[in-house]
Amino acid sequence: MKDSNVWVNGGYFVLRKEVFRYLKPEEEFVYEPMQRMIAEGRVWSRRYGGFWQCMDTFKDKQILDELETSGNAPWCVLEE
């Protein structure tokens, strides 16, 4: 997957307080409000080419634990 042209939305948002103008009761943020902001050119994204791994499940945690245990954890940049 690393060499593919596929990108993942990590689901990390930085919002200004003006975002509340776009929210309406009973709407999901990533659907209607986000579509309105996109239509107005109010959404910006940035590609990050560094290491990323979600940790949403126990299996994800095991993957990260194995990387750390093996000494191959990309997020560990300081030596003890």
PDB file of N, CA and C in Angstrom:
ATOM      1  N   MET A   1       0.826  -1.195   0.000  1.00  0.00           N
ATOM      2  CA  MET A   1       0.000   0.000   0.000  1.00  0.00           C
ATOM      3  C   MET A   1       0.870   1.259   0.000  1.00  0.00           C
ATOM      4  N   LYS A   2       2.056   1.161   0.592  1.00  0.00           N
ATOM      5  CA  LYS A   2       2.937   2.320   0.692  1.00  0.00           C
ATOM      6  C   LYS A   2       3.279   2.898  -0.673  1.00  0.00           C
ATOM      7  N   ASP A   3       3.441   2.052  -1.667  1.00  0.00           N
ATOM      8  CA  ASP A   3       3.823   2.514  -2.996  1.00  0.00           C
ATOM      9  C   ASP A   3       2.626   2.824  -3.894  1.00  0.00           C
ATOM     10  N   SER A   4       1.428   2.722  -3.346  1.00  0.00           N
ATOM     11  CA  SER A   4       0.242   3.018  -4.152  1.00  0.00           C
ATOM     12  C   SER A   4      -0.059   4.512  -4.102  1.00  0.00           C
ATOM     13  N   ASN A   5      -1.002   4.942  -4.891  1.00  0.00           N
ATOM     14  CA  ASN A   5      -1.405   6.345  -4.916  1.00  0.00           C
ATOM     15  C   ASN A   5      -2.684   6.527  -4.100  1.00  0.00           C
ATOM     16  N   VAL A   6      -2.824   5.758  -3.033  1.00  0.00           N
ATOM     17  CA  VAL A   6      -4.011   5.814  -2.182  1.00  0.00           C
ATOM     18  C   VAL A   6      -3.674   6.602  -0.919  1.00  0.00           C
ATOM     19  N   TRP A   7      -4.538   7.539  -0.568  1.00  0.00           N
ATOM     20  CA  TRP A   7      -4.367   8.330   0.642  1.00  0.00           C
ATOM     21  C   TRP A   7      -5.512   8.039   1.593  1.00  0.00           C
ATOM     22  N   VAL A   8      -5.260   8.135   2.886  1.00  0.00           N
ATOM     23  CA  VAL A   8      -6.257   7.862   3.912  1.00  0.00           C
ATOM     24  C   VAL A   8      -6.569   9.152   4.645  1.00  0.00           C
ATOM     25  N   ASN A   9      -7.845   9.391   4.887  1.00  0.00           N
ATOM     26  CA  ASN A   9      -8.247  10.514   5.719  1.00  0.00           C
ATOM     27  C   ASN A   9      -8.118  10.070   7.167  1.00  0.00           C
ATOM     28  N   GLY A  10      -7.163  10.662   7.854  1.00  0.00           N
ATOM     29  CA  GLY A  10      -6.933  10.288   9.247  1.00  0.00           C
ATOM     30  C   GLY A  10      -8.002  10.795  10.189  1.00  0.00           C
ATOM     31  N   GLY A  11      -8.928  11.589   9.684  1.00  0.00           N
ATOM     32  CA  GLY A  11     -10.029  12.054  10.519  1.00  0.00           C
ATOM     33  C   GLY A  11      -9.629  13.096  11.545  1.00  0.00           C
ATOM     34  N   TYR A  12      -8.567  13.805  11.301  1.00  0.00           N
ATOM     35  CA  TYR A  12      -8.098  14.834  12.225  1.00  0.00           C
ATOM     36  C   TYR A  12      -8.505  16.193  11.678  1.00  0.00           C
ATOM     37  N   PHE A  13      -9.283  16.937  12.438  1.00  0.00           N
ATOM     38  CA  PHE A  13      -9.776  18.235  11.981  1.00  0.00           C
ATOM     39  C   PHE A  13      -9.289  19.347  12.902  1.00  0.00           C
ATOM     40  N   VAL A  14      -8.937  20.464  12.321  1.00  0.00           N
ATOM     41  CA  VAL A  14      -8.669  21.690  13.066  1.00  0.00           C
ATOM     42  C   VAL A  14      -9.747  22.660  12.608  1.00  0.00           C
ATOM     43  N   LEU A  15     -10.542  23.132  13.550  1.00  0.00           N
ATOM     44  CA  LEU A  15     -11.723  23.931  13.201  1.00  0.00           C
ATOM     45  C   LEU A  15     -11.677  25.310  13.845  1.00  0.00           C
ATOM     46  N   ARG A  16     -12.267  26.260  13.158  1.00  0.00           N
ATOM     47  CA  ARG A  16     -12.480  27.583  13.732  1.00  0.00           C
ATOM     48  C   ARG A  16     -13.896  27.611  14.295  1.00  0.00           C
ATOM     49  N   LYS A  17     -14.155  28.553  15.184  1.00  0.00           N
ATOM     50  CA  LYS A  17     -15.481  28.617  15.805  1.00  0.00           C
ATOM     51  C   LYS A  17     -16.588  28.888  14.787  1.00  0.00           C
ATOM     52  N   GLU A  18     -16.237  29.412  13.615  1.00  0.00           N
ATOM     53  CA  GLU A  18     -17.226  29.676  12.576  1.00  0.00           C
ATOM     54  C   GLU A  18     -17.877  28.393  12.057  1.00  0.00           C
ATOM     55  N   VAL A  19     -17.263  27.254  12.365  1.00  0.00           N
ATOM     56  CA  VAL A  19     -17.824  25.978  11.910  1.00  0.00           C
ATOM     57  C   VAL A  19     -19.254  25.792  12.418  1.00  0.00           C
ATOM     58  N   PHE A  20     -19.574  26.381  13.549  1.00  0.00           N
ATOM     59  CA  PHE A  20     -20.903  26.206  14.132  1.00  0.00           C
ATOM     60  C   PHE A  20     -22.010  26.810  13.267  1.00  0.00           C
ATOM     61  N   ARG A  21     -21.666  27.725  12.383  1.00  0.00           N
ATOM     62  CA  ARG A  21     -22.668  28.288  11.456  1.00  0.00           C
ATOM     63  C   ARG A  21     -23.178  27.222  10.492  1.00  0.00           C
ATOM     64  N   TYR A  22     -22.376  26.208  10.251  1.00  0.00           N
ATOM     65  CA  TYR A  22     -22.711  25.180   9.267  1.00  0.00           C
ATOM     66  C   TYR A  22     -23.436  23.981   9.877  1.00  0.00           C
ATOM     67  N   LEU A  23     -23.472  23.908  11.189  1.00  0.00           N
ATOM     68  CA  LEU A  23     -24.076  22.760  11.859  1.00  0.00           C
ATOM     69  C   LEU A  23     -25.563  22.972  12.087  1.00  0.00           C
ATOM     70  N   LYS A  24     -26.330  21.967  11.753  1.00  0.00           N
ATOM     71  CA  LYS A  24     -27.771  21.993  11.993  1.00  0.00           C
ATOM     72  C   LYS A  24     -28.147  20.734  12.766  1.00  0.00           C
ATOM     73  N   PRO A  25     -29.206  20.812  13.570  1.00  0.00           N
ATOM     74  CA  PRO A  25     -29.612  19.639  14.349  1.00  0.00           C
ATOM     75  C   PRO A  25     -29.852  18.417  13.454  1.00  0.00           C
ATOM     76  N   GLU A  26     -29.500  17.278  13.971  1.00  0.00           N
ATOM     77  CA  GLU A  26     -29.737  15.985  13.320  1.00  0.00           C
ATOM     78  C   GLU A  26     -28.870  15.724  12.087  1.00  0.00           C
ATOM     79  N   GLU A  27     -27.870  16.550  11.823  1.00  0.00           N
ATOM     80  CA  GLU A  27     -26.980  16.308  10.682  1.00  0.00           C
ATOM     81  C   GLU A  27     -25.658  15.731  11.169  1.00  0.00           C
ATOM     82  N   GLU A  28     -25.090  14.868  10.349  1.00  0.00           N
ATOM     83  CA  GLU A  28     -23.765  14.335  10.615  1.00  0.00           C
ATOM     84  C   GLU A  28     -22.734  15.335  10.087  1.00  0.00           C
ATOM     85  N   PHE A  29     -21.734  15.665  10.870  1.00  0.00           N
ATOM     86  CA  PHE A  29     -20.755  16.682  10.488  1.00  0.00           C
ATOM     87  C   PHE A  29     -20.093  16.394   9.145  1.00  0.00           C
ATOM     88  N   VAL A  30     -19.698  15.147   8.917  1.00  0.00           N
ATOM     89  CA  VAL A  30     -18.943  14.843   7.695  1.00  0.00           C
ATOM     90  C   VAL A  30     -19.817  14.761   6.452  1.00  0.00           C
ATOM     91  N   TYR A  31     -21.100  14.899   6.603  1.00  0.00           N
ATOM     92  CA  TYR A  31     -21.969  14.865   5.421  1.00  0.00           C
ATOM     93  C   TYR A  31     -22.446  16.272   5.060  1.00  0.00           C
ATOM     94  N   GLU A  32     -23.598  16.659   5.525  1.00  0.00           N
ATOM     95  CA  GLU A  32     -24.180  17.936   5.097  1.00  0.00           C
ATOM     96  C   GLU A  32     -23.333  19.169   5.437  1.00  0.00           C
ATOM     97  N   PRO A  33     -22.943  19.369   6.704  1.00  0.00           N
ATOM     98  CA  PRO A  33     -22.144  20.564   7.007  1.00  0.00           C
ATOM     99  C   PRO A  33     -20.826  20.614   6.224  1.00  0.00           C
ATOM    100  N   MET A  34     -20.153  19.490   6.130  1.00  0.00           N
ATOM    101  CA  MET A  34     -18.878  19.455   5.408  1.00  0.00           C
ATOM    102  C   MET A  34     -19.096  19.760   3.923  1.00  0.00           C
ATOM    103  N   GLN A  35     -20.169  19.248   3.344  1.00  0.00           N
ATOM    104  CA  GLN A  35     -20.464  19.521   1.937  1.00  0.00           C
ATOM    105  C   GLN A  35     -20.724  21.008   1.703  1.00  0.00           C
ATOM    106  N   ARG A  36     -21.398  21.656   2.654  1.00  0.00           N
ATOM    107  CA  ARG A  36     -21.633  23.098   2.519  1.00  0.00           C
ATOM    108  C   ARG A  36     -20.316  23.868   2.588  1.00  0.00           C
ATOM    109  N   MET A  37     -19.445  23.460   3.488  1.00  0.00           N
ATOM    110  CA  MET A  37     -18.148  24.138   3.609  1.00  0.00           C
ATOM    111  C   MET A  37     -17.281  23.901   2.371  1.00  0.00           C
ATOM    112  N   ILE A  38     -17.322  22.693   1.833  1.00  0.00           N
ATOM    113  CA  ILE A  38     -16.574  22.399   0.607  1.00  0.00           C
ATOM    114  C   ILE A  38     -17.088  23.261  -0.534  1.00  0.00           C
ATOM    115  N   ALA A  39     -18.404  23.376  -0.660  1.00  0.00           N
ATOM    116  CA  ALA A  39     -19.005  24.172  -1.733  1.00  0.00           C
ATOM    117  C   ALA A  39     -18.562  25.642  -1.655  1.00  0.00           C
ATOM    118  N   GLU A  40     -18.312  26.127  -0.454  1.00  0.00           N
ATOM    119  CA  GLU A  40     -17.876  27.510  -0.267  1.00  0.00           C
ATOM    120  C   GLU A  40     -16.346  27.645  -0.274  1.00  0.00           C
ATOM    121  N   GLY A  41     -15.650  26.560  -0.512  1.00  0.00           N
ATOM    122  CA  GLY A  41     -14.188  26.616  -0.528  1.00  0.00           C
ATOM    123  C   GLY A  41     -13.586  26.822   0.845  1.00  0.00           C
ATOM    124  N   ARG A  42     -14.260  26.350   1.892  1.00  0.00           N
ATOM    125  CA  ARG A  42     -13.812  26.569   3.269  1.00  0.00           C
ATOM    126  C   ARG A  42     -13.043  25.386   3.847  1.00  0.00           C
ATOM    127  N   VAL A  43     -12.828  24.339   3.050  1.00  0.00           N
ATOM    128  CA  VAL A  43     -12.141  23.138   3.539  1.00  0.00           C
ATOM    129  C   VAL A  43     -10.782  23.037   2.858  1.00  0.00           C
ATOM    130  N   TRP A  44      -9.783  22.776   3.656  1.00  0.00           N
ATOM    131  CA  TRP A  44      -8.421  22.645   3.160  1.00  0.00           C
ATOM    132  C   TRP A  44      -7.828  21.388   3.763  1.00  0.00           C
ATOM    133  N   SER A  45      -7.014  20.707   3.002  1.00  0.00           N
ATOM    134  CA  SER A  45      -6.372  19.508   3.537  1.00  0.00           C
ATOM    135  C   SER A  45      -4.883  19.547   3.234  1.00  0.00           C
ATOM    136  N   ARG A  46      -4.163  18.734   3.944  1.00  0.00           N
ATOM    137  CA  ARG A  46      -2.720  18.658   3.747  1.00  0.00           C
ATOM    138  C   ARG A  46      -2.318  17.193   3.720  1.00  0.00           C
ATOM    139  N   ARG A  47      -1.511  16.840   2.740  1.00  0.00           N
ATOM    140  CA  ARG A  47      -1.005  15.476   2.672  1.00  0.00           C
ATOM    141  C   ARG A  47       0.189  15.337   3.606  1.00  0.00           C
ATOM    142  N   TYR A  48       0.204  14.230   4.305  1.00  0.00           N
ATOM    143  CA  TYR A  48       1.303  13.928   5.212  1.00  0.00           C
ATOM    144  C   TYR A  48       1.926  12.626   4.747  1.00  0.00           C
ATOM    145  N   GLY A  49       3.187  12.663   4.396  1.00  0.00           N
ATOM    146  CA  GLY A  49       3.852  11.484   3.863  1.00  0.00           C
ATOM    147  C   GLY A  49       4.601  10.670   4.895  1.00  0.00           C
ATOM    148  N   GLY A  50       4.488  11.046   6.153  1.00  0.00           N
ATOM    149  CA  GLY A  50       5.181  10.320   7.209  1.00  0.00           C
ATOM    150  C   GLY A  50       4.396   9.105   7.680  1.00  0.00           C
ATOM    151  N   PHE A  51       4.856   8.532   8.764  1.00  0.00           N
ATOM    152  CA  PHE A  51       4.220   7.336   9.316  1.00  0.00           C
ATOM    153  C   PHE A  51       2.853   7.673   9.889  1.00  0.00           C
ATOM    154  N   TRP A  52       1.899   6.812   9.627  1.00  0.00           N
ATOM    155  CA  TRP A  52       0.564   6.929  10.219  1.00  0.00           C
ATOM    156  C   TRP A  52      -0.024   5.543  10.344  1.00  0.00           C
ATOM    157  N   GLN A  53      -0.599   5.256  11.470  1.00  0.00           N
ATOM    158  CA  GLN A  53      -1.301   3.995  11.699  1.00  0.00           C
ATOM    159  C   GLN A  53      -2.421   4.288  12.672  1.00  0.00           C
ATOM    160  N   CYS A  54      -3.631   3.920  12.303  1.00  0.00           N
ATOM    161  CA  CYS A  54      -4.744   4.159  13.230  1.00  0.00           C
ATOM    162  C   CYS A  54      -4.613   3.228  14.433  1.00  0.00           C
ATOM    163  N   MET A  55      -5.308   3.582  15.501  1.00  0.00           N
ATOM    164  CA  MET A  55      -5.376   2.708  16.666  1.00  0.00           C
ATOM    165  C   MET A  55      -6.819   2.713  17.152  1.00  0.00           C
ATOM    166  N   ASP A  56      -7.683   2.181  16.302  1.00  0.00           N
ATOM    167  CA  ASP A  56      -9.103   2.125  16.608  1.00  0.00           C
ATOM    168  C   ASP A  56      -9.514   0.792  17.216  1.00  0.00           C
ATOM    169  N   THR A  57      -8.719  -0.239  16.985  1.00  0.00           N
ATOM    170  CA  THR A  57      -9.096  -1.578  17.437  1.00  0.00           C
ATOM    171  C   THR A  57      -7.946  -2.201  18.220  1.00  0.00           C
ATOM    172  N   PHE A  58      -8.246  -3.301  18.884  1.00  0.00           N
ATOM    173  CA  PHE A  58      -7.210  -4.026  19.608  1.00  0.00           C
ATOM    174  C   PHE A  58      -6.132  -4.523  18.654  1.00  0.00           C
ATOM    175  N   LYS A  59      -6.535  -4.959  17.466  1.00  0.00           N
ATOM    176  CA  LYS A  59      -5.565  -5.418  16.472  1.00  0.00           C
ATOM    177  C   LYS A  59      -4.614  -4.279  16.076  1.00  0.00           C
ATOM    178  N   ASP A  60      -5.147  -3.060  15.901  1.00  0.00           N
ATOM    179  CA  ASP A  60      -4.303  -1.899  15.595  1.00  0.00           C
ATOM    180  C   ASP A  60      -3.274  -1.682  16.703  1.00  0.00           C
ATOM    181  N   LYS A  61      -3.724  -1.805  17.946  1.00  0.00           N
ATOM    182  CA  LYS A  61      -2.815  -1.635  19.082  1.00  0.00           C
ATOM    183  C   LYS A  61      -1.732  -2.698  19.057  1.00  0.00           C
ATOM    184  N   GLN A  62      -2.084  -3.926  18.727  1.00  0.00           N
ATOM    185  CA  GLN A  62      -1.088  -4.992  18.653  1.00  0.00           C
ATOM    186  C   GLN A  62      -0.028  -4.681  17.596  1.00  0.00           C
ATOM    187  N   ILE A  63      -0.449  -4.159  16.455  1.00  0.00           N
ATOM    188  CA  ILE A  63       0.494  -3.795  15.391  1.00  0.00           C
ATOM    189  C   ILE A  63       1.478  -2.747  15.901  1.00  0.00           C
ATOM    190  N   LEU A  64       0.961  -1.723  16.577  1.00  0.00           N
ATOM    191  CA  LEU A  64       1.823  -0.667  17.103  1.00  0.00           C
ATOM    192  C   LEU A  64       2.732  -1.182  18.210  1.00  0.00           C
ATOM    193  N   ASP A  65       2.198  -2.041  19.073  1.00  0.00           N
ATOM    194  CA  ASP A  65       3.016  -2.639  20.132  1.00  0.00           C
ATOM    195  C   ASP A  65       4.153  -3.476  19.545  1.00  0.00           C
ATOM    196  N   GLU A  66       3.856  -4.234  18.493  1.00  0.00           N
ATOM    197  CA  GLU A  66       4.883  -5.059  17.849  1.00  0.00           C
ATOM    198  C   GLU A  66       5.979  -4.190  17.225  1.00  0.00           C
ATOM    199  N   LEU A  67       5.589  -3.088  16.614  1.00  0.00           N
ATOM    200  CA  LEU A  67       6.595  -2.175  16.051  1.00  0.00           C
ATOM    201  C   LEU A  67       7.506  -1.626  17.152  1.00  0.00           C
ATOM    202  N   GLU A  68       6.911  -1.256  18.269  1.00  0.00           N
ATOM    203  CA  GLU A  68       7.713  -0.707  19.363  1.00  0.00           C
ATOM    204  C   GLU A  68       8.627  -1.769  19.965  1.00  0.00           C
ATOM    205  N   THR A  69       8.090  -2.947  20.189  1.00  0.00           N
ATOM    206  CA  THR A  69       8.876  -4.037  20.770  1.00  0.00           C
ATOM    207  C   THR A  69      10.048  -4.431  19.877  1.00  0.00           C
ATOM    208  N   SER A  70       9.831  -4.400  18.561  1.00  0.00           N
ATOM    209  CA  SER A  70      10.876  -4.799  17.620  1.00  0.00           C
ATOM    210  C   SER A  70      11.949  -3.724  17.440  1.00  0.00           C
ATOM    211  N   GLY A  71      11.700  -2.540  17.988  1.00  0.00           N
ATOM    212  CA  GLY A  71      12.652  -1.444  17.820  1.00  0.00           C
ATOM    213  C   GLY A  71      12.484  -0.704  16.499  1.00  0.00           C
ATOM    214  N   ASN A  72      11.380  -0.980  15.790  1.00  0.00           N
ATOM    215  CA  ASN A  72      11.119  -0.358  14.487  1.00  0.00           C
ATOM    216  C   ASN A  72       9.958   0.633  14.526  1.00  0.00           C
ATOM    217  N   ALA A  73       9.782   1.283  15.662  1.00  0.00           N
ATOM    218  CA  ALA A  73       8.676   2.228  15.795  1.00  0.00           C
ATOM    219  C   ALA A  73       9.078   3.578  15.205  1.00  0.00           C
ATOM    220  N   PRO A  74       8.502   3.969  14.079  1.00  0.00           N
ATOM    221  CA  PRO A  74       8.886   5.221  13.419  1.00  0.00           C
ATOM    222  C   PRO A  74       8.672   6.473  14.262  1.00  0.00           C
ATOM    223  N   TRP A  75       7.802   6.402  15.247  1.00  0.00           N
ATOM    224  CA  TRP A  75       7.525   7.574  16.067  1.00  0.00           C
ATOM    225  C   TRP A  75       8.553   7.733  17.195  1.00  0.00           C
ATOM    226  N   CYS A  76       9.354   6.724  17.441  1.00  0.00           N
ATOM    227  CA  CYS A  76      10.394   6.805  18.484  1.00  0.00           C
ATOM    228  C   CYS A  76      11.671   7.353  17.870  1.00  0.00           C
ATOM    229  N   VAL A  77      11.905   8.610  18.063  1.00  0.00           N
ATOM    230  CA  VAL A  77      13.061   9.256  17.432  1.00  0.00           C
ATOM    231  C   VAL A  77      14.170   9.569  18.433  1.00  0.00           C
ATOM    232  N   LEU A  78      13.889   9.448  19.715  1.00  0.00           N
ATOM    233  CA  LEU A  78      14.892   9.722  20.736  1.00  0.00           C
ATOM    234  C   LEU A  78      15.469   8.416  21.269  1.00  0.00           C
ATOM    235  N   GLU A  79      16.762   8.398  21.468  1.00  0.00           N
ATOM    236  CA  GLU A  79      17.400   7.226  22.052  1.00  0.00           C
ATOM    237  C   GLU A  79      17.496   7.428  23.562  1.00  0.00           C
ATOM    238  N   GLU A  80      17.347   6.339  24.288  1.00  0.00           N
ATOM    239  CA  GLU A  80      17.437   6.435  25.755  1.00  0.00           C
ATOM    240  C   GLU A  80      18.866   6.343  26.209  1.00  0.00           C
TER     241      GLU A  80
END
